[in-house]
C-alpha atoms as a PDB file:
ATOM      1  CA  MET A   1     159.826 191.240 118.818  1.00  0.00           C
ATOM      2  CA  ASN A   2     157.887 189.510 116.047  1.00  0.00           C
ATOM      3  CA  SER A   3     159.816 186.277 115.691  1.00  0.00           C
ATOM      4  CA  LYS A   4     157.541 184.268 113.415  1.00  0.00           C
ATOM      5  CA  GLY A   5     160.065 184.292 110.532  1.00  0.00           C
ATOM      6  CA  LYS A   6     162.746 182.849 112.796  1.00  0.00           C
ATOM      7  CA  MET A   7     160.230 180.342 114.142  1.00  0.00           C
ATOM      8  CA  VAL A   8     159.581 179.047 110.622  1.00  0.00           C
ATOM      9  CA  THR A   9     163.315 178.625 110.053  1.00  0.00           C
ATOM     10  CA  ALA A  10     163.772 176.833 113.375  1.00  0.00           C
ATOM     11  CA  LEU A  11     160.939 174.407 112.646  1.00  0.00           C
ATOM     12  CA  LYS A  12     162.409 173.598 109.235  1.00  0.00           C
ATOM     13  CA  ARG A  13     165.811 172.921 110.818  1.00  0.00           C
ATOM     14  CA  ILE A  14     164.234 170.622 113.373  1.00  0.00           C
ATOM     15  CA  GLY A  15     162.838 168.575 110.482  1.00  0.00           C
ATOM     16  CA  PHE A  16     159.382 169.755 109.471  1.00  0.00           C
ATOM     17  CA  ASP A  17     158.607 169.783 105.756  1.00  0.00           C
ATOM     18  CA  LYS A  18     155.931 172.493 105.760  1.00  0.00           C
ATOM     19  CA  VAL A  19     155.134 175.286 108.203  1.00  0.00           C
ATOM     20  CA  PHE A  20     151.802 177.109 107.939  1.00  0.00           C
ATOM     21  CA  ASP A  21     150.322 180.087 109.743  1.00  0.00           C
ATOM     22  CA  THR A  22     147.409 179.273 112.066  1.00  0.00           C
ATOM     23  CA  ASN A  23     145.983 182.699 111.157  1.00  0.00           C
ATOM     24  CA  THR A  24     144.813 180.989 107.955  1.00  0.00           C
ATOM     25  CA  GLY A  25     142.843 178.569 110.101  1.00  0.00           C
ATOM     26  CA  ALA A  26     141.486 181.547 112.053  1.00  0.00           C
ATOM     27  CA  ASP A  27     140.198 183.007 108.791  1.00  0.00           C
ATOM     28  CA  LEU A  28     138.311 179.772 108.111  1.00  0.00           C
ATOM     29  CA  THR A  29     136.850 179.758 111.614  1.00  0.00           C
ATOM     30  CA  ILE A  30     135.732 183.375 111.310  1.00  0.00           C
ATOM     31  CA  MET A  31     133.932 182.717 108.021  1.00  0.00           C
ATOM     32  CA  GLU A  32     132.137 179.703 109.485  1.00  0.00           C
ATOM     33  CA  GLU A  33     131.303 181.407 112.772  1.00  0.00           C
ATOM     34  CA  ALA A  34     130.020 184.618 111.179  1.00  0.00           C
ATOM     35  CA  ASN A  35     127.736 182.700 108.846  1.00  0.00           C
ATOM     36  CA  GLU A  36     126.511 180.463 111.646  1.00  0.00           C
ATOM     37  CA  PHE A  37     125.623 183.549 113.691  1.00  0.00           C
ATOM     38  CA  LEU A  38     123.738 185.087 110.765  1.00  0.00           C
ATOM     39  CA  GLU A  39     121.845 181.831 110.247  1.00  0.00           C
ATOM     40  CA  ARG A  40     120.768 181.784 113.891  1.00  0.00           C
ATOM     41  CA  LEU A  41     119.954 185.493 113.962  1.00  0.00           C
ATOM     42  CA  GLN A  42     117.847 185.474 110.815  1.00  0.00           C
ATOM     43  CA  ASN A  43     116.129 182.110 111.219  1.00  0.00           C
ATOM     44  CA  GLY A  44     115.245 181.895 114.882  1.00  0.00           C
ATOM     45  CA  GLY A  45     118.223 179.834 116.031  1.00  0.00           C
ATOM     46  CA  VAL A  46     119.419 179.487 119.623  1.00  0.00           C
ATOM     47  CA  LEU A  47     120.759 182.789 120.965  1.00  0.00           C
ATOM     48  CA  PRO A  48     123.018 183.995 122.313  1.00  0.00           C
ATOM     49  CA  MET A  49     125.525 182.099 120.204  1.00  0.00           C
ATOM     50  CA  ILE A  50     128.776 181.625 122.103  1.00  0.00           C
ATOM     51  CA  THR A  51     132.192 181.093 120.545  1.00  0.00           C
ATOM     52  CA  SER A  52     133.749 177.625 120.823  1.00  0.00           C
ATOM     53  CA  CYS A  53     137.426 178.207 119.982  1.00  0.00           C
ATOM     54  CA  SER A  54     138.762 178.125 123.556  1.00  0.00           C
ATOM     55  CA  PRO A  55     139.058 174.469 124.663  1.00  0.00           C
ATOM     56  CA  GLY A  56     139.398 175.451 128.317  1.00  0.00           C
ATOM     57  CA  TRP A  57     136.104 177.323 128.113  1.00  0.00           C
ATOM     58  CA  VAL A  58     134.397 174.495 126.189  1.00  0.00           C
ATOM     59  CA  ARG A  59     135.403 171.953 128.829  1.00  0.00           C
ATOM     60  CA  PHE A  60     134.209 174.288 131.592  1.00  0.00           C
ATOM     61  CA  ALA A  61     130.831 174.580 129.858  1.00  0.00           C
ATOM     62  CA  GLU A  62     130.549 170.810 129.419  1.00  0.00           C
ATOM     63  CA  LYS A  63     131.308 170.181 133.084  1.00  0.00           C
ATOM     64  CA  ASN A  64     129.107 172.921 134.531  1.00  0.00           C
ATOM     65  CA  TYR A  65     126.421 173.860 132.000  1.00  0.00           C
ATOM     66  CA  GLY A  66     125.732 170.758 129.943  1.00  0.00           C
ATOM     67  CA  GLU A  67     122.103 171.780 129.477  1.00  0.00           C
ATOM     68  CA  LEU A  68     123.190 174.976 127.697  1.00  0.00           C
ATOM     69  CA  LEU A  69     125.678 173.546 125.211  1.00  0.00           C
ATOM     70  CA  TRP A  70     123.427 174.282 122.224  1.00  0.00           C
ATOM     71  CA  HIS A  71     124.370 177.939 122.711  1.00  0.00           C
ATOM     72  CA  LEU A  72     127.958 177.152 121.674  1.00  0.00           C
ATOM     73  CA  SER A  73     129.006 177.542 118.062  1.00  0.00           C
ATOM     74  CA  SER A  74     129.540 174.327 116.112  1.00  0.00           C
ATOM     75  CA  CYS A  75     132.885 175.618 114.759  1.00  0.00           C
ATOM     76  CA  LYS A  76     136.185 173.976 115.591  1.00  0.00           C
ATOM     77  CA  SER A  77     139.059 176.103 116.833  1.00  0.00           C
ATOM     78  CA  PRO A  78     141.448 177.422 114.138  1.00  0.00           C
ATOM     79  CA  HIS A  79     144.189 174.834 114.632  1.00  0.00           C
ATOM     80  CA  GLN A  80     141.699 171.938 114.592  1.00  0.00           C
ATOM     81  CA  MET A  81     139.940 173.293 111.516  1.00  0.00           C
ATOM     82  CA  PHE A  82     143.282 173.828 109.810  1.00  0.00           C
ATOM     83  CA  GLY A  83     144.385 170.295 110.649  1.00  0.00           C
ATOM     84  CA  ALA A  84     141.285 168.932 108.942  1.00  0.00           C
ATOM     85  CA  ILE A  85     141.970 171.088 105.866  1.00  0.00           C
ATOM     86  CA  ILE A  86     145.591 169.891 105.661  1.00  0.00           C
ATOM     87  CA  LYS A  87     144.508 166.263 105.678  1.00  0.00           C
ATOM     88  CA  SER A  88     141.793 166.831 103.083  1.00  0.00           C
ATOM     89  CA  TYR A  89     142.217 169.809 100.724  1.00  0.00           C
ATOM     90  CA  PHE A  90     146.004 170.111 101.014  1.00  0.00           C
ATOM     91  CA  ALA A  91     146.602 166.357 100.745  1.00  0.00           C
ATOM     92  CA  GLU A  92     144.352 166.067  97.682  1.00  0.00           C
ATOM     93  CA  LYS A  93     145.774 169.165  95.972  1.00  0.00           C
ATOM     94  CA  TYR A  94     149.361 167.948  96.284  1.00  0.00           C
ATOM     95  CA  GLY A  95     148.717 164.252  95.785  1.00  0.00           C
ATOM     96  CA  ILE A  96     149.871 163.228  99.259  1.00  0.00           C
ATOM     97  CA  ASP A  97     148.442 160.236 101.063  1.00  0.00           C
ATOM     98  CA  ARG A  98     146.718 161.839 104.045  1.00  0.00           C
ATOM     99  CA  ASN A  99     147.677 158.856 106.168  1.00  0.00           C
ATOM    100  CA  LYS A 100     151.304 159.910 105.695  1.00  0.00           C
ATOM    101  CA  ILE A 101     150.823 163.446 107.021  1.00  0.00           C
ATOM    102  CA  CYS A 102     151.639 164.219 110.637  1.00  0.00           C
ATOM    103  CA  THR A 103     150.333 167.589 111.804  1.00  0.00           C
ATOM    104  CA  VAL A 104     151.736 169.346 114.851  1.00  0.00           C
ATOM    105  CA  SER A 105     150.221 172.522 116.281  1.00  0.00           C
ATOM    106  CA  VAL A 106     152.405 174.930 118.240  1.00  0.00           C
ATOM    107  CA  MET A 107     150.161 176.655 120.764  1.00  0.00           C
ATOM    108  CA  PRO A 108     150.562 178.799 123.903  1.00  0.00           C
ATOM    109  CA  CYS A 109     147.604 177.026 125.545  1.00  0.00           C
ATOM    110  CA  ILE A 110     148.090 173.629 127.195  1.00  0.00           C
ATOM    111  CA  ALA A 111     144.337 172.929 126.849  1.00  0.00           C
ATOM    112  CA  LYS A 112     144.926 172.496 123.105  1.00  0.00           C
ATOM    113  CA  LYS A 113     146.600 169.168 123.942  1.00  0.00           C
ATOM    114  CA  TYR A 114     143.347 167.918 125.416  1.00  0.00           C
ATOM    115  CA  GLU A 115     141.374 169.396 122.520  1.00  0.00           C
ATOM    116  CA  CYS A 116     143.268 167.513 119.818  1.00  0.00           C
ATOM    117  CA  SER A 117     142.607 164.232 121.653  1.00  0.00           C
ATOM    118  CA  ARG A 118     138.832 164.687 121.774  1.00  0.00           C
ATOM    119  CA  GLU A 119     136.863 161.839 120.221  1.00  0.00           C
ATOM    120  CA  GLU A 120     135.176 163.998 117.594  1.00  0.00           C
ATOM    121  CA  MET A 121     138.426 165.516 116.287  1.00  0.00           C
ATOM    122  CA  GLU A 122     139.031 162.833 113.687  1.00  0.00           C
ATOM    123  CA  VAL A 123     137.689 161.584 110.360  1.00  0.00           C
ATOM    124  CA  ASP A 124     137.697 157.864 109.508  1.00  0.00           C
ATOM    125  CA  GLY A 125     140.060 157.183 112.393  1.00  0.00           C
ATOM    126  CA  LEU A 126     142.555 159.855 111.292  1.00  0.00           C
ATOM    127  CA  ARG A 127     143.181 162.666 113.779  1.00  0.00           C
ATOM    128  CA  ASP A 128     142.790 166.249 112.520  1.00  0.00           C
ATOM    129  CA  VAL A 129     145.838 167.218 114.605  1.00  0.00           C
ATOM    130  CA  ASP A 130     148.272 164.518 115.675  1.00  0.00           C
ATOM    131  CA  TYR A 131     150.195 166.416 118.343  1.00  0.00           C
ATOM    132  CA  VAL A 132     150.222 169.768 120.116  1.00  0.00           C
ATOM    133  CA  LEU A 133     153.396 171.395 121.395  1.00  0.00           C
ATOM    134  CA  THR A 134     153.261 174.325 123.755  1.00  0.00           C
ATOM    135  CA  THR A 135     155.451 177.285 122.877  1.00  0.00           C
ATOM    136  CA  ARG A 136     157.626 176.465 125.913  1.00  0.00           C
ATOM    137  CA  GLU A 137     158.092 172.904 124.711  1.00  0.00           C
ATOM    138  CA  LEU A 138     159.136 174.148 121.274  1.00  0.00           C
ATOM    139  CA  ALA A 139     161.593 176.590 122.857  1.00  0.00           C
ATOM    140  CA  ARG A 140     163.176 173.677 124.745  1.00  0.00           C
ATOM    141  CA  MET A 141     163.375 171.634 121.530  1.00  0.00           C
ATOM    142  CA  ILE A 142     165.107 174.496 119.731  1.00  0.00           C
ATOM    143  CA  LYS A 143     167.600 174.796 122.586  1.00  0.00           C
ATOM    144  CA  GLN A 144     168.210 171.029 122.664  1.00  0.00           C
ATOM    145  CA  ALA A 145     168.910 171.130 118.915  1.00  0.00           C
ATOM    146  CA  ASN A 146     171.650 173.734 119.588  1.00  0.00           C
ATOM    147  CA  ILE A 147     169.937 176.266 117.346  1.00  0.00           C
ATOM    148  CA  ASP A 148     170.919 179.895 118.019  1.00  0.00           C
ATOM    149  CA  PHE A 149     167.448 181.392 117.629  1.00  0.00           C
ATOM    150  CA  ILE A 150     168.610 185.028 117.714  1.00  0.00           C
ATOM    151  CA  GLU A 151     170.964 184.480 114.778  1.00  0.00           C
ATOM    152  CA  LEU A 152     168.448 182.656 112.582  1.00  0.00           C
ATOM    153  CA  GLU A 153     167.474 184.135 109.240  1.00  0.00           C
ATOM    154  CA  GLU A 154     163.832 184.946 108.540  1.00  0.00           C
ATOM    155  CA  SER A 155     161.720 182.537 106.477  1.00  0.00           C
ATOM    156  CA  ASN A 156     158.192 182.785 105.101  1.00  0.00           C
ATOM    157  CA  PHE A 157     155.311 180.454 105.834  1.00  0.00           C
ATOM    158  CA  ASP A 158     154.686 177.872 103.139  1.00  0.00           C
ATOM    159  CA  ASP A 159     152.084 178.379 100.433  1.00  0.00           C
ATOM    160  CA  PRO A 160     149.259 178.014  99.628  1.00  0.00           C
ATOM    161  CA  MET A 161     148.252 178.524 103.249  1.00  0.00           C
ATOM    162  CA  GLY A 162     150.887 180.966 104.388  1.00  0.00           C
ATOM    163  CA  GLU A 163     148.751 184.077 104.064  1.00  0.00           C
ATOM    164  CA  ALA A 164     145.863 185.395 106.140  1.00  0.00           C
ATOM    165  CA  THR A 165     143.662 188.460 106.451  1.00  0.00           C
ATOM    166  CA  GLY A 166     143.490 190.996 109.250  1.00  0.00           C
ATOM    167  CA  ALA A 167     140.550 189.031 110.665  1.00  0.00           C
ATOM    168  CA  GLY A 168     142.825 186.077 111.293  1.00  0.00           C
ATOM    169  CA  ALA A 169     145.498 188.304 112.792  1.00  0.00           C
ATOM    170  CA  ILE A 170     143.247 189.917 115.423  1.00  0.00           C
ATOM    171  CA  PHE A 171     141.800 186.514 116.367  1.00  0.00           C
ATOM    172  CA  GLY A 172     144.682 186.041 118.782  1.00  0.00           C
ATOM    173  CA  THR A 173     143.702 188.717 121.280  1.00  0.00           C
ATOM    174  CA  THR A 174     140.716 189.133 123.582  1.00  0.00           C
ATOM    175  CA  GLY A 175     137.813 190.595 121.634  1.00  0.00           C
ATOM    176  CA  GLY A 176     139.455 189.765 118.327  1.00  0.00           C
ATOM    177  CA  VAL A 177     137.188 186.834 117.535  1.00  0.00           C
ATOM    178  CA  MET A 178     134.088 188.933 118.107  1.00  0.00           C
ATOM    179  CA  GLU A 179     135.393 191.895 116.119  1.00  0.00           C
ATOM    180  CA  ALA A 180     136.427 189.710 113.191  1.00  0.00           C
ATOM    181  CA  ALA A 181     133.143 187.763 113.195  1.00  0.00           C
ATOM    182  CA  ILE A 182     130.987 190.901 113.359  1.00  0.00           C
ATOM    183  CA  ARG A 183     133.021 192.574 110.613  1.00  0.00           C
ATOM    184  CA  THR A 184     132.495 189.520 108.425  1.00  0.00           C
ATOM    185  CA  ALA A 185     128.785 189.310 109.233  1.00  0.00           C
ATOM    186  CA  VAL A 186     128.201 192.981 108.473  1.00  0.00           C
ATOM    187  CA  ASP A 187     130.212 192.767 105.261  1.00  0.00           C
ATOM    188  CA  THR A 188     128.149 189.747 104.199  1.00  0.00           C
ATOM    189  CA  LEU A 189     124.810 191.442 104.894  1.00  0.00           C
ATOM    190  CA  GLU A 190     125.553 195.001 103.852  1.00  0.00           C
ATOM    191  CA  ASN A 191     128.349 194.590 101.300  1.00  0.00           C
ATOM    192  CA  ARG A 192     130.537 197.052 103.189  1.00  0.00           C
ATOM    193  CA  SER A 193     134.320 196.971 103.229  1.00  0.00           C
ATOM    194  CA  VAL A 194     135.477 195.387 106.483  1.00  0.00           C
ATOM    195  CA  ASP A 195     138.472 197.737 106.493  1.00  0.00           C
ATOM    196  CA  ARG A 196     136.148 200.630 107.339  1.00  0.00           C
ATOM    197  CA  ILE A 197     134.451 198.874 110.247  1.00  0.00           C
ATOM    198  CA  ASN A 198     135.977 199.117 113.708  1.00  0.00           C
ATOM    199  CA  TYR A 199     134.421 198.012 116.977  1.00  0.00           C
ATOM    200  CA  GLU A 200     136.594 199.518 119.676  1.00  0.00           C
ATOM    201  CA  GLU A 201     134.009 198.675 122.365  1.00  0.00           C
ATOM    202  CA  VAL A 202     135.120 195.020 122.341  1.00  0.00           C
ATOM    203  CA  ARG A 203     138.827 195.821 122.673  1.00  0.00           C
ATOM    204  CA  GLY A 204     140.845 196.199 125.860  1.00  0.00           C
ATOM    205  CA  GLU A 205     141.471 194.116 128.973  1.00  0.00           C
ATOM    206  CA  LYS A 206     138.206 194.472 130.883  1.00  0.00           C
ATOM    207  CA  GLY A 207     136.784 191.092 131.972  1.00  0.00           C
ATOM    208  CA  ILE A 208     133.381 191.680 130.389  1.00  0.00           C
ATOM    209  CA  LYS A 209     133.019 194.126 127.502  1.00  0.00           C
ATOM    210  CA  GLU A 210     129.708 194.791 125.788  1.00  0.00           C
ATOM    211  CA  ALA A 211     128.387 196.782 122.857  1.00  0.00           C
ATOM    212  CA  THR A 212     125.181 197.348 120.915  1.00  0.00           C
ATOM    213  CA  LEU A 213     125.531 197.393 117.137  1.00  0.00           C
ATOM    214  CA  ASN A 214     123.295 197.967 114.158  1.00  0.00           C
ATOM    215  CA  VAL A 215     123.500 194.999 111.833  1.00  0.00           C
ATOM    216  CA  ALA A 216     121.332 195.326 108.726  1.00  0.00           C
ATOM    217  CA  ASP A 217     118.878 197.639 110.549  1.00  0.00           C
ATOM    218  CA  ARG A 218     118.686 195.254 113.497  1.00  0.00           C
ATOM    219  CA  GLU A 219     119.951 195.987 117.008  1.00  0.00           C
ATOM    220  CA  VAL A 220     122.474 193.339 118.023  1.00  0.00           C
ATOM    221  CA  LYS A 221     123.943 193.146 121.506  1.00  0.00           C
ATOM    222  CA  ILE A 222     127.332 191.500 121.912  1.00  0.00           C
ATOM    223  CA  ALA A 223     129.674 190.705 124.797  1.00  0.00           C
ATOM    224  CA  VAL A 224     133.336 189.719 125.068  1.00  0.00           C
ATOM    225  CA  VAL A 225     134.273 187.726 128.159  1.00  0.00           C
ATOM    226  CA  SER A 226     137.702 186.638 129.412  1.00  0.00           C
ATOM    227  CA  GLY A 227     138.308 184.376 132.392  1.00  0.00           C
ATOM    228  CA  LEU A 228     136.092 181.553 133.616  1.00  0.00           C
ATOM    229  CA  ALA A 229     134.803 183.519 136.617  1.00  0.00           C
ATOM    230  CA  ASN A 230     133.300 186.010 134.187  1.00  0.00           C
ATOM    231  CA  ALA A 231     132.111 183.189 131.926  1.00  0.00           C
ATOM    232  CA  ARG A 232     130.125 181.801 134.855  1.00  0.00           C
ATOM    233  CA  LYS A 233     128.342 185.157 135.250  1.00  0.00           C
ATOM    234  CA  ILE A 234     127.188 185.065 131.620  1.00  0.00           C
ATOM    235  CA  MET A 235     126.114 181.421 131.814  1.00  0.00           C
ATOM    236  CA  GLU A 236     124.102 182.077 134.945  1.00  0.00           C
ATOM    237  CA  GLN A 237     122.336 184.914 133.088  1.00  0.00           C
ATOM    238  CA  ILE A 238     121.481 182.527 130.256  1.00  0.00           C
ATOM    239  CA  LYS A 239     120.362 179.853 132.706  1.00  0.00           C
ATOM    240  CA  SER A 240     117.996 182.278 134.433  1.00  0.00           C
ATOM    241  CA  GLY A 241     116.647 183.610 131.122  1.00  0.00           C
ATOM    242  CA  ASN A 242     118.026 187.109 131.741  1.00  0.00           C
ATOM    243  CA  CYS A 243     120.841 187.295 129.211  1.00  0.00           C
ATOM    244  CA  PRO A 244     120.442 190.327 126.902  1.00  0.00           C
ATOM    245  CA  TYR A 245     123.063 189.335 124.321  1.00  0.00           C
ATOM    246  CA  HIS A 246     122.823 187.858 120.839  1.00  0.00           C
ATOM    247  CA  PHE A 247     126.497 186.891 120.429  1.00  0.00           C
ATOM    248  CA  VAL A 248     129.115 186.232 123.119  1.00  0.00           C
ATOM    249  CA  GLU A 249     132.847 185.592 122.862  1.00  0.00           C
ATOM    250  CA  ILE A 250     134.255 183.629 125.798  1.00  0.00           C
ATOM    251  CA  MET A 251     137.924 182.834 126.375  1.00  0.00           C
ATOM    252  CA  ALA A 252     139.183 180.880 129.374  1.00  0.00           C
ATOM    253  CA  CYS A 253     142.378 182.912 129.658  1.00  0.00           C
ATOM    254  CA  PRO A 254     142.047 186.380 131.225  1.00  0.00           C
ATOM    255  CA  ARG A 255     143.309 189.166 128.936  1.00  0.00           C
ATOM    256  CA  ARG A 256     144.112 186.620 126.250  1.00  0.00           C
ATOM    257  CA  MET A 257     146.918 187.307 123.780  1.00  0.00           C
ATOM    258  CA  CYS A 258     148.096 184.292 121.836  1.00  0.00           C
ATOM    259  CA  TYR A 259     149.458 183.179 118.507  1.00  0.00           C
ATOM    260  CA  GLY A 260     150.175 179.803 116.952  1.00  0.00           C
ATOM    261  CA  TRP A 261     151.906 178.050 114.115  1.00  0.00           C
ATOM    262  CA  ARG A 262     151.239 174.770 112.400  1.00  0.00           C
ATOM    263  CA  ALA A 263     153.990 172.430 111.320  1.00  0.00           C
ATOM    264  CA  THR A 264     153.467 169.482 109.011  1.00  0.00           C
ATOM    265  CA  ASN A 265     155.859 166.581 108.699  1.00  0.00           C
ATOM    266  CA  LYS A 266     155.124 164.111 105.923  1.00  0.00           C
ATOM    267  CA  LYS A 267     155.775 160.558 107.116  1.00  0.00           C
ATOM    268  CA  PHE A 268     157.172 158.943 103.953  1.00  0.00           C
END
């Protein structure tokens, strides 16, 4: 059951002022990541480029392959990027003191808690994301507040960041980041409608999926990897100089399927 409308209502009842869809943050990440890949591909940058939106994977890479970190994208994960936007663009647009905004991400992944505490995830001493709740923790909070979730009415995410594209929507499943990024890259280079581009080779639950694509008359090899055991295989290929790929998506969670919401509580 798609319960996001009820989730918005529950968060408002708990006391949050604004509730946004993390898919909007995913859209931002996809635009940044696709353009970063094109920049590397066209101008002799470090390849393969590897996605950096899974904090469990990023920490694994830092601990085990520190000499290869330049292969990782410079992009923040969607909820971290969105947190930065809320405390800059959103705060300025609505005349809110950014020091009085508390952002809370609701995530299925406990590694997001560690991610939001990383030293670089702040600007001028202000954290991009103040707190991360797991979906289980939020469920317990809803229960403790005596909210009957099943009987809740549906509510919409708040504007102006309550809408997202299909690219943001597919971000939450294994292969979705790669498919969305490649769609965006191809659309940027070839001015084709992304709605007509489908890359079924990167879908499904296989631990390592690969495909060869034609991007602006250039052969591009991509791979989608889930699970850290499979991530190690790819990193060992890179380490030995035998990796054939140009772009790699890596997620720590096997057969990943996740979604998130962002709640904002203004501290007046």
